[in-house]
Amino acid sequence: MRVATWNVNSIKQRVDNAVAWLKEREPDIACFQETKCVDEAFPREPFEALGYNVKVHGQKTFNGVAVLSKLPFDETTPRLPGGDSDDHARFLEAAVSTKSGALRIACLYLPNGNPPNTDKYPYKLKWMDRLIGYARERLELEEPLILAGDFNVIPGPADARVPEAWTGDALYLPPTREKFRALVNLGFTDAVRAASDDAGLYTFWDYQAGAWQKNNGIRIDHMLMSPQAADRLVASGIDKHVRAWAKPSDHVPVWVDLDIDV
């Protein structure tokens, strides 16, 4: 089974690229972030034509998440628990049945948190606390679980081409990285780092200042696997070449292959 995640940065602008990538990579399940449209406006037809079931949780202009699955959905749940007043469309959980049992995927778009001296940063940290609480509960189910998406977290110096340029950024501040470590330390495996300790494994290049041309990237899109998912990990990767396509997102897809029969 192949599961992937991609911050598409506006699905309406990226339909052709998304379809081309799905045909190329052929994931069984794909998580999209920053779809930036209400549910009714999501362009479902091109993806359904490829054989995907589509679930979306969106809002106008901002945020938005979607899960595409070749397998039928057993259940889907929008909104991260613990924030009744939080109306941001940043979370969508999906469960599917495989020949090996249940598989649960959480499609995540964590708050950016910038500028750090505004209320945006406390919101980011509180959101991460809610995610930790959710993950702790889900781990008790002892089933394969993948937290997939744009975490807006640079885990460490190896995950940025120029780490010193990010020292004052909400993506790299010590409290941000501490929360991310607390999440991972619940028992999750970082799929990309499980496969490689290489430098230069980035998933985001800003549109400004020639970041792509200079390979001035950062790794902020992650796939975290529960022990039951990590035990089935076969391979993982980053589709860096997609950033060079016409009208690209500033993010690229991340994927994992699991030893699970669909």
Foldseek 3Di string as FASTA:
>chain_A
DKEKEWAFQACVLCVVLVLVVCVVVVGQKYKYKFNQDQPVPHPCVSLVVVQWDKDWHADHRGIIMIMTHNFDWPDKDWDQPDCPPDPHRFWMKTWGAFPVGIAIEIEGDAQLCPPVVDVSPVSRLVVLVSVLVVLLVVVVVVAKYKYWYQSNAQQDPLFWPDVVVCDNGSNYDVSNNVSVVSSVVSAKDWQVVVADPDGLQFFFADPPDCRVVVSGGGHRTTMIIHPNQVVFWDHKGWPSCSCVDPPGDRGTMIMTDGPTGD
